[in-house]
Amino acid sequence: MFFIIGLGLGDCKDITVKGLEIIKKCNRVYLEAYTSILTCGAEALEEFYGRKLITADRDLVEQGADDILEGADKSDVALLVVGDPFGATTHTDLVLRAKQKNIEIEVVHNASILNAVGCCGLQLYSFGETVSIPYWTETWQPDSFFDKIQSNYKNKLHTLCLLDIKVKEPTLESLTKKKKEYMPPRFMSVGEAAQQLVQILEKKKSENNLLITGESLCVGLARVGSRTQKIIACSLQEMCSIDLGGPLHSLIIASPELHPLELEYLEQFSIKA
């Protein structure tokens, strides 16, 4: 059997009882280590689970899927995923590959940022399409995701923005070499995301249909599900200078119209509170 097991958002104790029981009986257990991270480390997970984990980096998950699935038709193999297994399309691809090989699959779900984001008080059924905000470079500054934020805003819906992370990202120079060299890990902060959005607003200010401004309400979240969780509500312009500490961060562009309960709950996170 091939298992994909969600680990939740906080630390090693957020795994379900069912997931932990499966981990203890598997022949091999991989820890997917590039689409997200836990606030604890792999060592803490190994100590809590009582077994060694095989780190599955981006290359292994995306290009070495056959290696992960090897022997899963004869023994139990598990892939551990931060959050919920279907929070990333990569894991959907793994399930399809396993089915092509006639390998039985079981998925163990857990909390993800897509539902835990309700901790800020904004109602989950009032969220529109989720977007991802990538790191910009000097030569690559995409802004197509902004159209989805604008569409949600127009329809009076909140937008959850998932912020870029760079883990084991090869340097441009090393791509032409036989031996890859990697950039230091980077995790986009709410401040960095807000700064990029403000730059997009500046670039699009001549457009007549622009609804979002620097004064639009947004919510910054950090380390959701952990003891050091932080939430702050302020304008997009104010968010540019907010420091919520270490990763992972998420940003919400709130609807222009909020339910009274949403407003009341958000008040506790206001920088003016």
Protein backbone atom coordinates (compact mmCIF):
# COMPACT_ATOMS: atom_id res chain seq x y z
CA MET A 1 0.00 0.00 0.00
CA PHE A 2 1.14 3.57 -0.70
CA PHE A 3 0.07 6.06 1.96
CA ILE A 4 0.05 9.84 1.71
CA ILE A 5 -0.25 11.21 5.22
CA GLY A 6 -1.03 14.80 6.20
CA LEU A 7 0.98 16.15 9.13
CA GLY A 8 -1.10 19.23 9.92
CA LEU A 9 0.35 22.70 10.37
CA GLY A 10 1.99 22.94 13.78
CA ASP A 11 4.48 20.45 15.13
CA CYS A 12 5.11 16.70 15.34
CA LYS A 13 2.08 16.14 17.60
CA ASP A 14 -0.41 17.38 15.00
CA ILE A 15 -0.40 14.09 13.13
CA THR A 16 -3.57 12.01 13.51
CA VAL A 17 -3.55 8.80 15.54
CA LYS A 18 -4.35 6.92 12.33
CA GLY A 19 -1.41 8.52 10.54
CA LEU A 20 1.00 7.75 13.36
CA GLU A 21 -0.05 4.09 13.47
CA ILE A 22 0.60 3.77 9.75
CA ILE A 23 4.04 5.41 9.98
CA LYS A 24 5.15 2.91 12.63
CA LYS A 25 4.37 -0.07 10.40
CA CYS A 26 5.70 1.17 7.05
CA ASN A 27 8.77 -0.25 5.37
CA ARG A 28 9.88 3.20 4.12
CA VAL A 29 8.69 6.67 5.14
CA TYR A 30 9.46 9.77 3.07
CA LEU A 31 9.13 13.34 4.34
CA GLU A 32 8.22 15.77 1.57
CA ALA A 33 10.35 18.81 2.30
CA TYR A 34 9.79 21.51 -0.29
CA THR A 35 6.13 22.54 -0.68
CA SER A 36 5.90 23.53 3.01
CA ILE A 37 7.61 23.17 6.40
CA LEU A 38 6.70 22.46 10.01
CA THR A 39 7.86 24.68 12.87
CA CYS A 40 9.75 21.70 14.31
CA GLY A 41 12.44 19.92 12.29
CA ALA A 42 12.84 16.49 10.73
CA GLU A 43 14.85 15.38 13.79
CA ALA A 44 11.92 16.14 16.11
CA LEU A 45 9.61 14.17 13.83
CA GLU A 46 11.96 11.18 13.85
CA GLU A 47 12.20 11.26 17.63
CA PHE A 48 8.42 11.45 18.05
CA TYR A 49 7.68 8.77 15.44
CA GLY A 50 10.49 6.53 16.65
CA ARG A 51 11.94 5.91 13.21
CA LYS A 52 14.16 7.37 10.49
CA LEU A 53 12.65 9.43 7.67
CA ILE A 54 13.88 9.75 4.10
CA THR A 55 13.92 13.39 2.99
CA ALA A 56 12.07 13.83 -0.30
CA ASP A 57 13.26 17.04 -1.92
CA ARG A 58 11.82 18.65 -5.02
CA ASP A 59 13.93 16.56 -7.42
CA LEU A 60 12.89 13.29 -5.81
CA VAL A 61 9.17 14.09 -5.62
CA GLU A 62 8.87 15.55 -9.12
CA GLN A 63 11.42 13.46 -11.02
CA GLY A 64 11.93 10.39 -8.86
CA ALA A 65 8.32 9.37 -8.25
CA ASP A 66 9.11 5.84 -9.43
CA ASP A 67 11.79 5.55 -6.73
CA ILE A 68 9.29 6.57 -4.05
CA LEU A 69 6.69 4.09 -5.32
CA GLU A 70 9.23 1.26 -5.77
CA GLY A 71 8.01 -1.85 -3.94
CA ALA A 72 4.79 -0.23 -2.67
CA ASP A 73 2.86 -3.04 -4.33
CA LYS A 74 4.55 -5.54 -2.00
CA SER A 75 5.13 -3.54 1.22
CA ASP A 76 3.87 -0.37 2.88
CA VAL A 77 5.45 2.94 1.83
CA ALA A 78 4.39 6.37 3.10
CA LEU A 79 4.91 9.97 2.03
CA LEU A 80 4.44 12.56 4.78
CA VAL A 81 3.11 15.94 3.68
CA VAL A 82 2.82 19.13 5.73
CA GLY A 83 -0.81 20.22 5.91
CA ASP A 84 -3.19 18.08 3.87
CA PRO A 85 -2.04 15.65 1.14
CA PHE A 86 -4.05 17.40 -1.56
CA GLY A 87 -2.83 20.90 -0.75
CA ALA A 88 -0.37 20.65 -3.68
CA THR A 89 -0.91 19.29 -7.19
CA THR A 90 2.40 17.39 -6.94
CA HIS A 91 0.78 14.91 -4.59
CA THR A 92 -2.19 14.43 -6.91
CA ASP A 93 0.31 13.46 -9.60
CA LEU A 94 1.84 10.86 -7.28
CA VAL A 95 -1.56 9.31 -6.66
CA LEU A 96 -2.18 9.04 -10.41
CA ARG A 97 1.24 7.43 -10.95
CA ALA A 98 0.52 4.90 -8.20
CA LYS A 99 -2.81 4.00 -9.81
CA GLN A 100 -1.09 3.49 -13.16
CA LYS A 101 1.16 0.96 -11.43
CA ASN A 102 -1.86 -0.76 -9.81
CA ILE A 103 -0.59 0.18 -6.35
CA GLU A 104 -3.25 0.51 -3.65
CA ILE A 105 -3.45 3.99 -2.12
CA GLU A 106 -4.73 5.38 1.15
CA VAL A 107 -4.83 9.08 2.01
CA VAL A 108 -4.87 10.33 5.61
CA HIS A 109 -6.15 13.90 5.74
CA ASN A 110 -5.18 16.66 8.16
CA ALA A 111 -5.59 20.40 8.68
CA SER A 112 -4.23 22.71 5.99
CA ILE A 113 -3.90 26.47 5.66
CA LEU A 114 -6.96 26.34 3.38
CA ASN A 115 -9.22 25.63 6.35
CA ALA A 116 -7.09 26.78 9.31
CA VAL A 117 -7.08 30.30 7.88
CA GLY A 118 -10.50 30.66 9.53
CA CYS A 119 -8.57 31.35 12.77
CA CYS A 120 -8.51 35.04 11.84
CA GLY A 121 -12.30 35.24 11.98
CA LEU A 122 -13.01 35.60 8.27
CA GLN A 123 -15.68 33.11 7.23
CA LEU A 124 -14.40 30.28 5.05
CA TYR A 125 -17.38 30.27 2.70
CA SER A 126 -16.66 33.92 1.89
CA PHE A 127 -13.28 33.12 0.32
CA GLY A 128 -12.85 33.13 -3.43
CA GLU A 129 -10.09 31.58 -5.53
CA THR A 130 -6.77 31.07 -3.71
CA VAL A 131 -3.67 32.54 -5.36
CA SER A 132 0.08 32.05 -5.05
CA ILE A 133 2.44 35.03 -4.96
CA PRO A 134 5.89 34.17 -6.37
CA TYR A 135 9.19 35.86 -5.59
CA TRP A 136 10.12 38.41 -8.22
CA THR A 137 13.53 38.68 -9.82
CA GLU A 138 15.10 41.52 -11.79
CA THR A 139 13.97 39.95 -15.05
CA TRP A 140 10.77 38.10 -14.01
CA GLN A 141 7.93 39.97 -12.30
CA PRO A 142 4.64 38.16 -13.04
CA ASP A 143 1.41 39.75 -11.86
CA SER A 144 -1.31 37.62 -13.46
CA PHE A 145 -2.40 36.44 -9.99
CA PHE A 146 -3.55 40.00 -9.26
CA ASP A 147 -6.46 39.62 -11.70
CA LYS A 148 -7.82 36.78 -9.52
CA ILE A 149 -7.51 38.93 -6.38
CA GLN A 150 -9.32 41.74 -8.19
CA SER A 151 -12.06 39.36 -9.36
CA ASN A 152 -12.60 38.05 -5.82
CA TYR A 153 -12.69 41.61 -4.49
CA LYS A 154 -15.26 42.63 -7.10
CA ASN A 155 -17.42 39.67 -6.06
CA LYS A 156 -17.07 40.65 -2.38
CA LEU A 157 -14.94 37.62 -1.55
CA HIS A 158 -11.72 37.28 0.47
CA THR A 159 -8.51 36.09 -1.22
CA LEU A 160 -6.03 33.77 0.50
CA CYS A 161 -2.55 34.40 -0.89
CA LEU A 162 -0.06 31.56 -0.45
CA LEU A 163 3.45 33.00 -0.34
CA ASP A 164 6.47 31.64 -2.15
CA ILE A 165 9.09 29.45 -0.51
CA LYS A 166 12.45 28.52 -1.98
CA VAL A 167 13.95 25.32 -0.59
CA LYS A 168 16.87 23.62 -2.34
CA GLU A 169 16.50 25.96 -5.31
CA PRO A 170 19.43 25.63 -7.76
CA THR A 171 21.41 28.76 -8.57
CA LEU A 172 21.21 29.98 -12.17
CA GLU A 173 24.95 29.46 -12.54
CA SER A 174 24.80 25.84 -11.43
CA LEU A 175 22.14 24.87 -13.98
CA THR A 176 24.85 24.67 -16.63
CA LYS A 177 27.15 22.60 -14.41
CA LYS A 178 27.09 18.89 -13.70
CA LYS A 179 27.03 19.53 -9.95
CA LYS A 180 24.11 21.59 -8.70
CA GLU A 181 24.63 24.39 -6.20
CA TYR A 182 21.68 25.62 -4.20
CA MET A 183 20.55 29.01 -2.95
CA PRO A 184 19.92 29.50 0.78
CA PRO A 185 16.30 28.76 1.79
CA ARG A 186 13.94 31.74 1.48
CA PHE A 187 10.40 32.17 2.77
CA MET A 188 8.31 35.11 1.60
CA SER A 189 6.98 37.31 4.40
CA VAL A 190 3.68 39.18 4.47
CA GLY A 191 5.67 42.40 4.20
CA GLU A 192 7.41 41.26 1.02
CA ALA A 193 4.11 40.08 -0.50
CA ALA A 194 2.40 43.37 0.34
CA GLN A 195 5.28 45.35 -1.20
CA GLN A 196 4.92 43.43 -4.46
CA LEU A 197 1.17 44.03 -4.47
CA VAL A 198 1.67 47.76 -3.89
CA GLN A 199 4.10 47.83 -6.84
CA ILE A 200 1.44 46.14 -8.98
CA LEU A 201 -1.10 48.78 -7.89
CA GLU A 202 1.35 51.52 -8.88
CA LYS A 203 1.87 49.91 -12.28
CA LYS A 204 -1.87 49.53 -12.87
CA LYS A 205 -3.02 52.87 -11.41
CA SER A 206 -4.06 54.17 -14.81
CA GLU A 207 -6.61 51.37 -15.22
CA ASN A 208 -10.17 52.53 -14.61
CA ASN A 209 -11.34 49.20 -13.19
CA LEU A 210 -8.82 49.09 -10.32
CA LEU A 211 -10.76 48.36 -7.11
CA ILE A 212 -8.02 47.53 -4.61
CA THR A 213 -5.96 50.37 -3.11
CA GLY A 214 -3.19 50.75 -0.55
CA GLU A 215 -5.95 51.33 2.02
CA SER A 216 -7.67 47.99 1.36
CA LEU A 217 -7.94 45.77 4.43
CA CYS A 218 -5.67 42.76 4.60
CA VAL A 219 -4.71 40.16 7.19
CA GLY A 220 -1.25 38.74 7.77
CA LEU A 221 -0.82 35.33 9.37
CA ALA A 222 2.35 33.58 10.53
CA ARG A 223 3.00 30.03 11.73
CA VAL A 224 -0.70 29.13 11.83
CA GLY A 225 -1.36 26.19 14.13
CA SER A 226 1.76 26.67 16.24
CA ARG A 227 2.19 28.18 19.70
CA THR A 228 3.89 31.22 18.15
CA GLN A 229 1.02 31.91 15.73
CA LYS A 230 0.61 35.61 14.93
CA ILE A 231 -2.19 37.46 13.15
CA ILE A 232 -2.41 41.13 12.27
CA ALA A 233 -5.05 43.17 10.42
CA CYS A 234 -4.22 46.47 8.73
CA SER A 235 -4.19 48.21 5.36
CA LEU A 236 -2.18 46.80 2.47
CA GLN A 237 0.18 49.77 2.65
CA GLU A 238 0.72 49.28 6.40
CA MET A 239 1.37 45.55 5.85
CA CYS A 240 4.47 46.46 3.81
CA SER A 241 6.35 47.28 7.02
CA ILE A 242 4.92 44.52 9.25
CA ASP A 243 7.33 41.91 10.69
CA LEU A 244 5.61 38.72 11.88
CA GLY A 245 8.85 36.82 12.46
CA GLY A 246 9.80 33.43 11.04
CA PRO A 247 7.96 31.35 8.40
CA LEU A 248 5.49 30.33 7.17
CA HIS A 249 3.41 33.39 6.31
CA SER A 250 0.08 33.82 4.50
CA LEU A 251 -1.69 36.98 3.39
CA ILE A 252 -5.42 37.64 2.99
CA ILE A 253 -6.89 40.47 0.94
CA ALA A 254 -10.24 40.94 2.65
CA SER A 255 -13.52 41.53 0.87
CA PRO A 256 -14.65 45.18 0.71
CA GLU A 257 -17.74 44.10 2.67
CA LEU A 258 -17.41 42.14 5.92
CA HIS A 259 -20.03 40.47 8.07
CA PRO A 260 -20.43 42.19 11.47
CA LEU A 261 -19.03 39.07 13.20
CA GLU A 262 -15.97 39.16 10.95
CA LEU A 263 -15.38 42.81 11.78
CA GLU A 264 -15.77 42.17 15.50
CA TYR A 265 -13.38 39.21 15.47
CA LEU A 266 -10.76 41.00 13.35
CA GLU A 267 -10.72 43.94 15.72
CA GLN A 268 -8.53 42.04 18.19
CA PHE A 269 -5.82 41.75 15.51
CA SER A 270 -5.90 45.39 14.37
CA ILE A 271 -2.61 47.28 14.70
CA LYS A 272 -4.74 50.10 16.12
CA ALA A 273 -6.15 47.83 18.87
